[in-house]
Amino acid sequence: VYSTENQLKDLDEKLSDEQKKNIGDAKTRLETAMKENKEDIKPAMDELNKIWSEASTEMYSKEQPGAEGQPETAGEEAPKGKKKDDGNVEEADYTIVDDDK
């Protein structure tokens, strides 16, 4: 509940009015469950987490305009999982230091 209040303050300008209302309602439900109905705590917390997840996904997509669907340009990046082997291998001297001695 405390972290939700802080996040609402910090992200106020990034959240829509509907998101603020939904988060506030879910927070109120969780507060009520904590005081009056212990069995409703988990469902209320799950609902609050779900609403925050949806809101954060929407905020992230707004901050990354055009990030989805952009084709990658050829040669920009090596295929994932494979390193480009340029044949340059350097040998280096090293000393093992044992802190226990």
N, C-alpha and C. Protein backbone atom coordinates (compact mmCIF):
# COMPACT_ATOMS: atom_id res chain seq x y z
N VAL A 1 0.84 -1.19 0.00
CA VAL A 1 0.00 0.00 0.00
C VAL A 1 0.88 1.25 0.00
N TYR A 2 1.91 1.23 0.85
CA TYR A 2 2.81 2.38 0.94
C TYR A 2 3.54 2.59 -0.40
N SER A 3 4.04 1.52 -0.99
CA SER A 3 4.76 1.66 -2.26
C SER A 3 3.82 2.11 -3.38
N THR A 4 2.57 1.67 -3.33
CA THR A 4 1.59 2.12 -4.32
C THR A 4 1.37 3.62 -4.23
N GLU A 5 1.25 4.12 -3.00
CA GLU A 5 1.07 5.56 -2.82
C GLU A 5 2.27 6.33 -3.36
N ASN A 6 3.47 5.84 -3.09
CA ASN A 6 4.68 6.51 -3.60
C ASN A 6 4.74 6.46 -5.12
N GLN A 7 4.42 5.31 -5.70
CA GLN A 7 4.44 5.19 -7.16
C GLN A 7 3.40 6.10 -7.80
N LEU A 8 2.25 6.21 -7.19
CA LEU A 8 1.22 7.11 -7.72
C LEU A 8 1.72 8.55 -7.73
N LYS A 9 2.42 8.96 -6.68
CA LYS A 9 2.96 10.32 -6.62
C LYS A 9 4.05 10.51 -7.68
N ASP A 10 4.95 9.52 -7.79
CA ASP A 10 6.07 9.63 -8.72
C ASP A 10 5.63 9.59 -10.19
N LEU A 11 4.62 8.80 -10.49
CA LEU A 11 4.21 8.58 -11.87
C LEU A 11 2.92 9.30 -12.23
N ASP A 12 2.52 10.24 -11.42
CA ASP A 12 1.25 10.92 -11.59
C ASP A 12 1.03 11.45 -13.00
N GLU A 13 2.01 12.12 -13.57
CA GLU A 13 1.84 12.73 -14.88
C GLU A 13 1.88 11.71 -16.01
N LYS A 14 2.38 10.51 -15.75
CA LYS A 14 2.47 9.49 -16.80
C LYS A 14 1.24 8.58 -16.84
N LEU A 15 0.41 8.63 -15.80
CA LEU A 15 -0.76 7.77 -15.72
C LEU A 15 -2.01 8.51 -16.20
N SER A 16 -2.88 7.80 -16.87
CA SER A 16 -4.15 8.40 -17.28
C SER A 16 -5.07 8.47 -16.06
N ASP A 17 -6.11 9.27 -16.16
CA ASP A 17 -7.06 9.39 -15.06
C ASP A 17 -7.72 8.05 -14.75
N GLU A 18 -8.01 7.29 -15.79
CA GLU A 18 -8.63 5.98 -15.59
C GLU A 18 -7.69 5.03 -14.84
N GLN A 19 -6.41 5.06 -15.22
CA GLN A 19 -5.43 4.21 -14.53
C GLN A 19 -5.29 4.61 -13.06
N LYS A 20 -5.26 5.91 -12.81
CA LYS A 20 -5.17 6.39 -11.42
C LYS A 20 -6.37 5.92 -10.61
N LYS A 21 -7.55 6.00 -11.23
CA LYS A 21 -8.77 5.58 -10.53
C LYS A 21 -8.72 4.07 -10.25
N ASN A 22 -8.35 3.28 -11.26
CA ASN A 22 -8.29 1.83 -11.09
C ASN A 22 -7.27 1.43 -10.02
N ILE A 23 -6.12 2.07 -10.04
CA ILE A 23 -5.09 1.77 -9.05
C ILE A 23 -5.56 2.20 -7.66
N GLY A 24 -6.18 3.36 -7.57
CA GLY A 24 -6.70 3.84 -6.28
C GLY A 24 -7.77 2.91 -5.73
N ASP A 25 -8.66 2.44 -6.59
CA ASP A 25 -9.72 1.52 -6.16
C ASP A 25 -9.12 0.20 -5.66
N ALA A 26 -8.13 -0.32 -6.39
CA ALA A 26 -7.50 -1.57 -6.00
C ALA A 26 -6.72 -1.40 -4.69
N LYS A 27 -6.10 -0.25 -4.51
CA LYS A 27 -5.38 0.04 -3.27
C LYS A 27 -6.35 0.10 -2.10
N THR A 28 -7.49 0.74 -2.30
CA THR A 28 -8.51 0.83 -1.25
C THR A 28 -9.04 -0.56 -0.90
N ARG A 29 -9.24 -1.38 -1.92
CA ARG A 29 -9.70 -2.76 -1.67
C ARG A 29 -8.67 -3.51 -0.82
N LEU A 30 -7.39 -3.34 -1.13
CA LEU A 30 -6.35 -4.03 -0.37
C LEU A 30 -6.30 -3.51 1.07
N GLU A 31 -6.42 -2.20 1.25
CA GLU A 31 -6.43 -1.63 2.60
C GLU A 31 -7.60 -2.20 3.41
N THR A 32 -8.75 -2.27 2.78
CA THR A 32 -9.95 -2.81 3.46
C THR A 32 -9.73 -4.28 3.81
N ALA A 33 -9.16 -5.02 2.90
CA ALA A 33 -8.91 -6.45 3.14
C ALA A 33 -7.93 -6.64 4.30
N MET A 34 -6.95 -5.78 4.39
CA MET A 34 -5.97 -5.89 5.47
C MET A 34 -6.61 -5.64 6.83
N LYS A 35 -7.61 -4.77 6.86
CA LYS A 35 -8.25 -4.42 8.13
C LYS A 35 -9.42 -5.33 8.47
N GLU A 36 -10.20 -5.74 7.47
CA GLU A 36 -11.48 -6.39 7.75
C GLU A 36 -11.59 -7.83 7.27
N ASN A 37 -10.95 -8.18 6.16
CA ASN A 37 -11.17 -9.50 5.57
C ASN A 37 -9.83 -10.07 5.11
N LYS A 38 -9.15 -10.77 5.99
CA LYS A 38 -7.81 -11.30 5.70
C LYS A 38 -7.80 -12.25 4.51
N GLU A 39 -8.92 -12.93 4.26
CA GLU A 39 -8.99 -13.87 3.14
C GLU A 39 -8.97 -13.16 1.78
N ASP A 40 -9.29 -11.88 1.75
CA ASP A 40 -9.34 -11.12 0.50
C ASP A 40 -8.00 -10.44 0.19
N ILE A 41 -7.01 -10.60 1.06
CA ILE A 41 -5.73 -9.91 0.85
C ILE A 41 -5.05 -10.37 -0.43
N LYS A 42 -4.90 -11.67 -0.62
CA LYS A 42 -4.21 -12.17 -1.81
C LYS A 42 -4.94 -11.78 -3.10
N PRO A 43 -6.26 -12.00 -3.20
CA PRO A 43 -6.94 -11.57 -4.44
C PRO A 43 -6.84 -10.05 -4.67
N ALA A 44 -6.91 -9.27 -3.59
CA ALA A 44 -6.81 -7.82 -3.74
C ALA A 44 -5.41 -7.43 -4.19
N MET A 45 -4.40 -8.10 -3.65
CA MET A 45 -3.02 -7.79 -4.05
C MET A 45 -2.77 -8.22 -5.49
N ASP A 46 -3.31 -9.37 -5.88
CA ASP A 46 -3.18 -9.82 -7.26
C ASP A 46 -3.81 -8.82 -8.23
N GLU A 47 -4.99 -8.30 -7.87
CA GLU A 47 -5.67 -7.32 -8.72
C GLU A 47 -4.83 -6.04 -8.84
N LEU A 48 -4.29 -5.57 -7.72
CA LEU A 48 -3.47 -4.36 -7.74
C LEU A 48 -2.23 -4.58 -8.60
N ASN A 49 -1.57 -5.72 -8.46
CA ASN A 49 -0.39 -6.02 -9.28
C ASN A 49 -0.73 -6.09 -10.76
N LYS A 50 -1.89 -6.67 -11.08
CA LYS A 50 -2.32 -6.77 -12.47
C LYS A 50 -2.54 -5.38 -13.07
N ILE A 51 -3.20 -4.52 -12.31
CA ILE A 51 -3.46 -3.15 -12.80
C ILE A 51 -2.16 -2.39 -12.99
N TRP A 52 -1.23 -2.53 -12.04
CA TRP A 52 0.08 -1.86 -12.17
C TRP A 52 0.83 -2.41 -13.39
N SER A 53 0.75 -3.70 -13.62
CA SER A 53 1.43 -4.30 -14.76
C SER A 53 0.89 -3.74 -16.07
N GLU A 54 -0.43 -3.64 -16.17
CA GLU A 54 -1.04 -3.09 -17.38
C GLU A 54 -0.65 -1.62 -17.56
N ALA A 55 -0.66 -0.87 -16.48
CA ALA A 55 -0.32 0.55 -16.56
C ALA A 55 1.15 0.74 -16.95
N SER A 56 2.03 -0.06 -16.37
CA SER A 56 3.45 0.09 -16.69
C SER A 56 3.74 -0.33 -18.13
N THR A 57 3.04 -1.36 -18.60
CA THR A 57 3.21 -1.77 -20.00
C THR A 57 2.78 -0.65 -20.94
N GLU A 58 1.67 -0.02 -20.62
CA GLU A 58 1.19 1.09 -21.45
C GLU A 58 2.15 2.27 -21.39
N MET A 59 2.65 2.59 -20.20
CA MET A 59 3.61 3.71 -20.08
C MET A 59 4.87 3.41 -20.88
N TYR A 60 5.37 2.18 -20.79
CA TYR A 60 6.59 1.83 -21.50
C TYR A 60 6.39 1.92 -23.01
N SER A 61 5.24 1.46 -23.50
CA SER A 61 5.01 1.52 -24.93
C SER A 61 4.88 2.97 -25.41
N LYS A 62 4.39 3.86 -24.56
CA LYS A 62 4.30 5.27 -24.93
C LYS A 62 5.69 5.91 -24.97
N GLU A 63 6.59 5.46 -24.09
CA GLU A 63 7.94 6.02 -24.05
C GLU A 63 8.81 5.52 -25.19
N GLN A 64 8.42 4.41 -25.81
CA GLN A 64 9.19 3.82 -26.89
C GLN A 64 8.42 3.92 -28.21
N PRO A 65 8.22 5.13 -28.72
CA PRO A 65 7.42 5.25 -29.94
C PRO A 65 8.10 4.57 -31.11
N GLY A 66 7.34 3.76 -31.81
CA GLY A 66 7.86 3.09 -32.99
C GLY A 66 8.84 1.98 -32.70
N ALA A 67 9.02 1.61 -31.46
CA ALA A 67 9.99 0.57 -31.14
C ALA A 67 9.53 -0.78 -31.67
N GLU A 68 8.24 -1.00 -31.70
CA GLU A 68 7.73 -2.26 -32.22
C GLU A 68 7.57 -2.17 -33.73
N GLY A 69 7.94 -3.22 -34.40
CA GLY A 69 7.71 -3.28 -35.83
C GLY A 69 8.80 -2.64 -36.67
N GLN A 70 9.84 -2.12 -36.07
CA GLN A 70 10.92 -1.55 -36.85
C GLN A 70 11.82 -2.67 -37.34
N PRO A 71 12.06 -2.73 -38.62
CA PRO A 71 12.96 -3.77 -39.12
C PRO A 71 14.40 -3.47 -38.75
N GLU A 72 15.15 -4.53 -38.49
CA GLU A 72 16.57 -4.33 -38.19
C GLU A 72 17.31 -4.15 -39.49
N THR A 73 18.31 -3.29 -39.48
CA THR A 73 19.10 -3.09 -40.68
C THR A 73 20.19 -4.15 -40.72
N ALA A 74 20.51 -4.61 -41.89
CA ALA A 74 21.49 -5.68 -42.05
C ALA A 74 22.86 -5.20 -41.61
N GLY A 75 23.60 -6.08 -40.96
CA GLY A 75 24.96 -5.75 -40.54
C GLY A 75 25.04 -4.93 -39.28
N GLU A 76 23.92 -4.57 -38.72
CA GLU A 76 23.93 -3.72 -37.54
C GLU A 76 24.34 -4.49 -36.30
N GLU A 77 23.97 -5.75 -36.27
CA GLU A 77 24.22 -6.54 -35.07
C GLU A 77 24.50 -7.97 -35.47
N ALA A 78 25.43 -8.61 -34.77
CA ALA A 78 25.72 -10.01 -35.03
C ALA A 78 24.54 -10.84 -34.54
N PRO A 79 24.30 -12.00 -35.13
CA PRO A 79 23.20 -12.85 -34.66
C PRO A 79 23.35 -13.17 -33.18
N LYS A 80 22.22 -13.24 -32.50
CA LYS A 80 22.25 -13.49 -31.07
C LYS A 80 22.84 -14.87 -30.80
N GLY A 81 23.66 -14.94 -29.75
CA GLY A 81 24.23 -16.20 -29.36
C GLY A 81 25.55 -16.52 -30.07
N LYS A 82 25.90 -15.77 -31.08
CA LYS A 82 27.15 -16.00 -31.81
C LYS A 82 27.98 -14.74 -31.77
N LYS A 83 29.26 -14.92 -31.51
CA LYS A 83 30.16 -13.77 -31.50
C LYS A 83 30.89 -13.70 -32.84
N LYS A 84 31.17 -12.51 -33.23
CA LYS A 84 31.92 -12.32 -34.46
C LYS A 84 33.38 -12.67 -34.16
N ASP A 85 33.94 -13.59 -34.92
CA ASP A 85 35.32 -14.04 -34.71
C ASP A 85 36.20 -13.28 -35.67
N ASP A 86 36.97 -12.35 -35.13
CA ASP A 86 37.83 -11.56 -36.00
C ASP A 86 39.26 -12.09 -36.02
N GLY A 87 39.56 -13.19 -35.29
CA GLY A 87 40.86 -13.82 -35.34
C GLY A 87 41.91 -13.17 -34.44
N ASN A 88 41.63 -12.09 -33.78
CA ASN A 88 42.59 -11.44 -32.89
C ASN A 88 42.51 -12.04 -31.50
N VAL A 89 43.55 -12.78 -31.13
CA VAL A 89 43.61 -13.37 -29.80
C VAL A 89 44.85 -12.80 -29.12
N GLU A 90 44.66 -12.24 -27.95
CA GLU A 90 45.80 -11.67 -27.23
C GLU A 90 46.16 -12.56 -26.07
N GLU A 91 47.44 -12.76 -25.86
CA GLU A 91 47.93 -13.50 -24.70
C GLU A 91 48.33 -12.48 -23.65
N ALA A 92 48.07 -12.82 -22.39
CA ALA A 92 48.40 -11.90 -21.31
C ALA A 92 48.99 -12.68 -20.15
N ASP A 93 49.93 -12.04 -19.44
CA ASP A 93 50.48 -12.61 -18.21
C ASP A 93 49.59 -12.20 -17.06
N TYR A 94 49.45 -13.08 -16.10
CA TYR A 94 48.64 -12.76 -14.94
C TYR A 94 49.21 -13.47 -13.72
N THR A 95 48.87 -12.96 -12.56
CA THR A 95 49.30 -13.53 -11.30
C THR A 95 48.06 -13.84 -10.47
N ILE A 96 48.02 -15.04 -9.90
CA ILE A 96 46.89 -15.41 -9.04
C ILE A 96 47.21 -14.96 -7.63
N VAL A 97 46.34 -14.19 -7.05
CA VAL A 97 46.53 -13.69 -5.71
C VAL A 97 45.56 -14.42 -4.79
N ASP A 98 46.09 -15.05 -3.76
CA ASP A 98 45.26 -15.78 -2.81
C ASP A 98 45.19 -14.96 -1.54
N ASP A 99 44.02 -14.44 -1.22
CA ASP A 99 43.86 -13.58 -0.04
C ASP A 99 43.96 -14.34 1.27
N ASP A 100 43.88 -15.67 1.24
CA ASP A 100 43.91 -16.47 2.46
C ASP A 100 45.32 -16.64 3.01
N LYS A 101 46.34 -16.32 2.27
CA LYS A 101 47.74 -16.50 2.74
C LYS A 101 48.22 -15.32 3.53
